[in-house]
Amino acid sequence: MKNSEQNLNRRQLMQSTAIAGGALAASSWLPQNAQAAKPEAPKLPKDGVILFQGDSITDAGRDKKNKNANNSRAIGHGYPFLITSTLLTRFAKKNLQCFNRGISGNRVPDLDKRWQEDCLDIKPDILSILIGVNDIWHKLNGKYDGTVESYETGLHALLEKTKAGLPDTTLVICEPFVLRCGAVNDKWFPEFEQRREACKRVAEKMGTIWVPFQEMFDKALKRNEPAYWAGDGVHPSMAGHSLMAKTWMATVFPRKSAKKSDS
């Protein structure tokens, strides 16, 4: 094994151990609505399937040729890895199967084109989607002409397609986020906020679980500067991914609600 691979595996182990060791209890870093809502945890069947979908933030350097469940190379080194590690620890008796199909650069239309193979055919019991930053970033770079309206209608259509094909799947929509540093400047606003609000409208209309990542990072800025959490304003640092994983777990599987399903 190469030294870089050894270092990565050690780093991943340290991250996942820290989360699994009890750092998931709601505390000051959690957005207020994530602490207050405390929804019932989704039911996880034996051999349940969890799928993470999105762009480069979810992709996180995963090996796209490796499609195996619960494989560190297939999951990548970001928040899906940390969440998967925690789920496999907490629900050890359930033999969960976790997959990552995030692809760098993806926008809503890109998800739609590959949805059958990369989502519907996998038949997840829980589907987590984080998408939206490229829909505006590519527009600012002159590579895309999508509007706030097309983002909203496209995401809504994608979720409708998902519900039609997977009526029993729990949908988790993660809030798109940016931090004002690196690539993110005043040109991103107010359109990014409009897109974020559009995503939340779709999530509410479709009755999904909503993971408040932007609110989480806004609150984290009281603890350190934007670049600490995401150097380019878009892609999270190790600390940023860790915070995302904690918030995802605390929102989707509140500890009190999850205790009944842990065994």
Protein backbone atom coordinates (compact mmCIF):
# COMPACT_ATOMS: atom_id res chain seq x y z
CA MET A 1 0.00 0.00 0.00
CA LYS A 2 1.31 3.47 -0.88
CA ASN A 3 2.05 5.97 1.91
CA SER A 4 -0.66 8.33 0.63
CA GLU A 5 -3.22 5.53 0.78
CA GLN A 6 -2.10 4.63 4.31
CA ASN A 7 -2.44 8.24 5.42
CA LEU A 8 -5.91 8.50 3.85
CA ASN A 9 -7.10 5.31 5.53
CA ARG A 10 -5.76 6.48 8.90
CA ARG A 11 -7.44 9.85 8.45
CA GLN A 12 -10.77 8.24 7.50
CA LEU A 13 -10.58 5.90 10.49
CA MET A 14 -9.90 8.78 12.85
CA GLN A 15 -12.82 10.78 11.42
CA SER A 16 -15.34 7.96 11.54
CA THR A 17 -14.24 6.84 15.02
CA ALA A 18 -14.73 10.35 16.36
CA ILE A 19 -18.27 10.50 15.04
CA ALA A 20 -19.24 6.97 16.02
CA GLY A 21 -17.84 7.55 19.48
CA GLY A 22 -20.68 9.80 20.56
CA ALA A 23 -20.10 13.18 18.91
CA LEU A 24 -23.54 13.04 17.31
CA ALA A 25 -25.55 14.34 20.24
CA ALA A 26 -27.26 17.64 19.41
CA SER A 27 -25.22 20.57 20.70
CA SER A 28 -24.31 24.16 19.98
CA TRP A 29 -23.10 23.50 16.43
CA LEU A 30 -26.51 22.25 15.30
CA PRO A 31 -28.97 24.59 13.56
CA GLN A 32 -31.89 25.44 15.80
CA ASN A 33 -34.50 23.74 13.63
CA ALA A 34 -32.41 20.57 13.50
CA GLN A 35 -32.41 20.50 17.30
CA ALA A 36 -36.06 21.41 17.71
CA ALA A 37 -37.77 19.35 15.01
CA LYS A 38 -36.51 15.92 16.14
CA PRO A 39 -38.43 13.95 13.49
CA GLU A 40 -38.97 10.25 13.84
CA ALA A 41 -36.04 8.31 12.41
CA PRO A 42 -36.81 6.50 9.13
CA LYS A 43 -37.43 2.81 9.45
CA LEU A 44 -34.40 0.80 8.41
CA PRO A 45 -35.18 -2.75 7.31
CA LYS A 46 -32.74 -5.61 7.52
CA ASP A 47 -30.32 -5.28 4.57
CA GLY A 48 -31.59 -1.73 4.07
CA VAL A 49 -30.04 0.37 1.29
CA ILE A 50 -28.86 3.99 1.68
CA LEU A 51 -27.85 5.99 -1.39
CA PHE A 52 -26.03 9.34 -1.53
CA GLN A 53 -26.51 11.44 -4.67
CA GLY A 54 -25.16 14.77 -5.82
CA ASP A 55 -22.14 16.55 -7.27
CA SER A 56 -18.46 16.83 -6.29
CA ILE A 57 -19.27 17.57 -2.65
CA THR A 58 -20.88 14.14 -2.42
CA ASP A 59 -18.50 12.50 -4.90
CA ALA A 60 -15.52 13.42 -2.70
CA GLY A 61 -12.95 11.59 -4.81
CA ARG A 62 -14.70 8.23 -4.87
CA ASP A 63 -13.55 5.46 -7.22
CA LYS A 64 -16.38 5.42 -9.78
CA LYS A 65 -15.32 2.02 -11.13
CA ASN A 66 -15.91 0.51 -7.71
CA LYS A 67 -19.65 0.10 -7.21
CA ASN A 68 -19.52 -2.06 -4.09
CA ALA A 69 -21.51 -1.20 -0.99
CA ASN A 70 -19.74 -0.08 2.20
CA ASN A 71 -16.39 0.21 0.44
CA SER A 72 -14.23 3.18 1.44
CA ARG A 73 -12.93 3.71 -2.10
CA ALA A 74 -16.43 3.54 -3.55
CA ILE A 75 -17.83 5.90 -0.90
CA GLY A 76 -15.09 8.56 -1.17
CA HIS A 77 -13.50 10.60 1.63
CA GLY A 78 -16.30 13.10 2.34
CA TYR A 79 -19.46 13.28 4.42
CA PRO A 80 -20.98 10.09 2.88
CA PHE A 81 -17.98 8.14 4.20
CA LEU A 82 -18.43 9.55 7.69
CA ILE A 83 -22.19 8.93 7.67
CA THR A 84 -21.75 5.40 6.32
CA SER A 85 -19.18 4.60 9.01
CA THR A 86 -21.55 5.81 11.69
CA LEU A 87 -24.59 3.99 10.28
CA LEU A 88 -22.69 0.71 10.02
CA THR A 89 -21.60 1.09 13.63
CA ARG A 90 -24.94 2.18 15.08
CA PHE A 91 -27.04 -0.31 13.12
CA ALA A 92 -24.56 -3.18 13.06
CA LYS A 93 -27.24 -5.90 13.19
CA LYS A 94 -29.10 -4.59 10.15
CA ASN A 95 -26.42 -5.36 7.55
CA LEU A 96 -26.96 -2.03 5.79
CA GLN A 97 -25.76 -1.45 2.24
CA CYS A 98 -24.52 2.11 1.59
CA PHE A 99 -23.70 3.50 -1.86
CA ASN A 100 -22.40 6.80 -3.23
CA ARG A 101 -23.28 7.87 -6.77
CA GLY A 102 -22.36 11.56 -6.57
CA ILE A 103 -20.52 12.83 -9.66
CA SER A 104 -18.36 15.95 -9.80
CA GLY A 105 -19.82 18.75 -11.89
CA ASN A 106 -23.37 17.44 -11.87
CA ARG A 107 -26.45 19.67 -12.04
CA VAL A 108 -30.09 18.65 -11.77
CA PRO A 109 -30.31 17.80 -15.52
CA ASP A 110 -27.28 15.51 -15.14
CA LEU A 111 -28.92 13.62 -12.31
CA ASP A 112 -32.05 13.21 -14.40
CA LYS A 113 -30.11 11.66 -17.30
CA ARG A 114 -28.60 8.93 -15.13
CA TRP A 115 -31.40 8.50 -12.60
CA GLN A 116 -32.62 5.08 -13.74
CA GLU A 117 -29.25 3.36 -13.42
CA ASP A 118 -27.81 5.38 -10.56
CA CYS A 119 -30.90 5.60 -8.38
CA LEU A 120 -34.07 3.77 -9.34
CA ASP A 121 -32.29 0.50 -10.16
CA ILE A 122 -30.48 0.60 -6.79
CA LYS A 123 -33.83 0.77 -4.95
CA PRO A 124 -32.65 2.67 -1.88
CA ASP A 125 -34.67 2.69 1.32
CA ILE A 126 -33.18 6.11 2.07
CA LEU A 127 -32.10 8.49 -0.69
CA SER A 128 -30.03 11.56 0.21
CA ILE A 129 -29.61 14.28 -2.44
CA LEU A 130 -27.37 17.35 -2.36
CA ILE A 131 -27.55 19.27 -5.64
CA GLY A 132 -27.62 22.89 -6.72
CA VAL A 133 -24.24 24.59 -6.50
CA ASN A 134 -23.19 23.68 -10.05
CA ASP A 135 -26.53 24.84 -11.41
CA ILE A 136 -25.44 28.38 -10.57
CA TRP A 137 -21.63 28.00 -10.75
CA HIS A 138 -21.75 26.72 -14.34
CA LYS A 139 -24.08 29.58 -15.21
CA LEU A 140 -21.66 32.14 -13.78
CA ASN A 141 -18.88 30.51 -15.81
CA GLY A 142 -20.93 30.78 -19.00
CA LYS A 143 -21.30 27.00 -19.37
CA TYR A 144 -25.03 26.78 -18.59
CA ASP A 145 -28.10 28.97 -18.93
CA GLY A 146 -30.39 27.37 -16.35
CA THR A 147 -32.59 29.69 -14.30
CA VAL A 148 -33.90 29.53 -10.75
CA GLU A 149 -37.23 28.42 -12.20
CA SER A 150 -35.70 25.61 -14.28
CA TYR A 151 -33.75 24.43 -11.23
CA GLU A 152 -36.92 24.31 -9.15
CA THR A 153 -39.08 22.61 -11.77
CA GLY A 154 -36.30 20.18 -12.68
CA LEU A 155 -35.70 19.15 -9.07
CA HIS A 156 -39.43 18.78 -8.48
CA ALA A 157 -39.80 16.59 -11.56
CA LEU A 158 -36.85 14.45 -10.44
CA LEU A 159 -38.42 13.86 -7.03
CA GLU A 160 -41.79 13.07 -8.59
CA LYS A 161 -40.09 10.51 -10.82
CA THR A 162 -38.40 9.08 -7.75
CA LYS A 163 -41.62 8.82 -5.75
CA ALA A 164 -43.38 7.17 -8.67
CA GLY A 165 -40.65 4.55 -9.03
CA LEU A 166 -39.77 4.20 -5.34
CA PRO A 167 -42.93 5.00 -3.36
CA ASP A 168 -41.58 3.59 -0.09
CA THR A 169 -38.21 5.36 -0.20
CA THR A 170 -37.46 8.03 2.41
CA LEU A 171 -36.25 11.16 0.63
CA VAL A 172 -33.63 13.38 2.27
CA ILE A 173 -32.94 16.73 0.60
CA CYS A 174 -29.79 18.50 1.73
CA GLU A 175 -29.71 22.28 1.61
CA PRO A 176 -27.29 23.67 -1.00
CA PHE A 177 -24.68 25.90 0.61
CA VAL A 178 -21.79 28.25 -0.13
CA LEU A 179 -19.42 30.24 2.05
CA ARG A 180 -18.18 33.71 1.07
CA CYS A 181 -14.56 32.95 0.21
CA GLY A 182 -12.52 31.48 -2.63
CA ALA A 183 -14.65 31.20 -5.78
CA VAL A 184 -17.76 32.60 -4.09
CA ASN A 185 -18.12 36.36 -4.49
CA ASP A 186 -20.92 38.93 -4.74
CA LYS A 187 -21.85 37.68 -8.23
CA TRP A 188 -23.38 34.60 -6.62
CA PHE A 189 -25.99 36.65 -4.80
CA PRO A 190 -28.92 37.07 -4.54
CA GLU A 191 -29.46 34.25 -7.06
CA PHE A 192 -27.87 31.58 -4.91
CA GLU A 193 -30.24 32.45 -2.07
CA GLN A 194 -33.15 32.23 -4.50
CA ARG A 195 -32.03 28.78 -5.60
CA ARG A 196 -31.60 27.64 -2.01
CA GLU A 197 -35.12 28.82 -1.21
CA ALA A 198 -36.41 27.05 -4.32
CA CYS A 199 -34.82 23.80 -3.13
CA LYS A 200 -36.50 24.15 0.24
CA ARG A 201 -39.88 24.78 -1.40
CA VAL A 202 -39.53 21.58 -3.39
CA ALA A 203 -38.50 19.63 -0.30
CA GLU A 204 -41.50 20.91 1.65
CA LYS A 205 -43.90 20.26 -1.23
CA MET A 206 -42.63 16.68 -1.60
CA GLY A 207 -42.60 16.01 2.14
CA THR A 208 -38.92 15.15 2.39
CA ILE A 209 -36.53 15.36 5.30
CA TRP A 210 -34.61 18.66 5.07
CA VAL A 211 -30.98 18.84 6.21
CA PRO A 212 -30.09 22.53 6.86
CA PHE A 213 -26.48 22.69 5.70
CA GLN A 214 -26.40 26.43 4.91
CA GLU A 215 -27.82 27.29 8.31
CA MET A 216 -25.29 24.91 9.86
CA PHE A 217 -22.33 26.59 8.16
CA ASP A 218 -23.66 30.08 8.90
CA LYS A 219 -23.67 29.16 12.57
CA ALA A 220 -20.22 27.57 12.30
CA LEU A 221 -18.79 30.92 11.15
CA LYS A 222 -18.99 32.05 14.75
CA ARG A 223 -16.28 29.49 15.48
CA ASN A 224 -13.92 30.06 12.56
CA GLU A 225 -13.63 31.86 9.21
CA PRO A 226 -15.30 30.61 5.99
CA ALA A 227 -12.11 29.15 4.48
CA TYR A 228 -11.69 26.89 7.52
CA TRP A 229 -14.91 25.08 6.58
CA ALA A 230 -14.58 25.26 2.77
CA GLY A 231 -11.42 26.68 1.23
CA ASP A 232 -12.95 27.63 -2.11
CA GLY A 233 -16.34 28.46 -0.64
CA VAL A 234 -17.93 25.33 -2.13
CA HIS A 235 -15.96 22.19 -1.33
CA PRO A 236 -15.80 21.40 2.39
CA SER A 237 -12.62 20.85 4.31
CA MET A 238 -12.25 17.85 6.62
CA ALA A 239 -13.90 19.94 9.33
CA GLY A 240 -16.69 20.92 6.94
CA HIS A 241 -17.40 17.33 5.92
CA SER A 242 -17.38 16.26 9.56
CA LEU A 243 -19.89 18.97 10.44
CA MET A 244 -22.10 17.92 7.53
CA ALA A 245 -22.04 14.29 8.66
CA LYS A 246 -22.98 15.22 12.22
CA THR A 247 -25.84 17.43 11.08
CA TRP A 248 -27.12 14.82 8.62
CA MET A 249 -27.15 12.14 11.31
CA ALA A 250 -28.73 14.40 13.94
CA THR A 251 -31.46 15.41 11.46
CA VAL A 252 -32.22 12.07 9.81
CA PHE A 253 -31.57 9.83 12.80
CA PRO A 254 -32.12 11.84 16.00
CA ARG A 255 -30.54 9.79 18.74
CA LYS A 256 -33.68 9.46 20.88
CA SER A 257 -35.78 8.39 17.90
CA ALA A 258 -33.12 6.04 16.59
CA LYS A 259 -32.59 4.07 19.81
CA LYS A 260 -35.63 1.89 19.10
CA SER A 261 -34.12 0.88 15.75
CA ASP A 262 -30.49 0.44 16.78
CA SER A 263 -30.69 -3.28 17.27
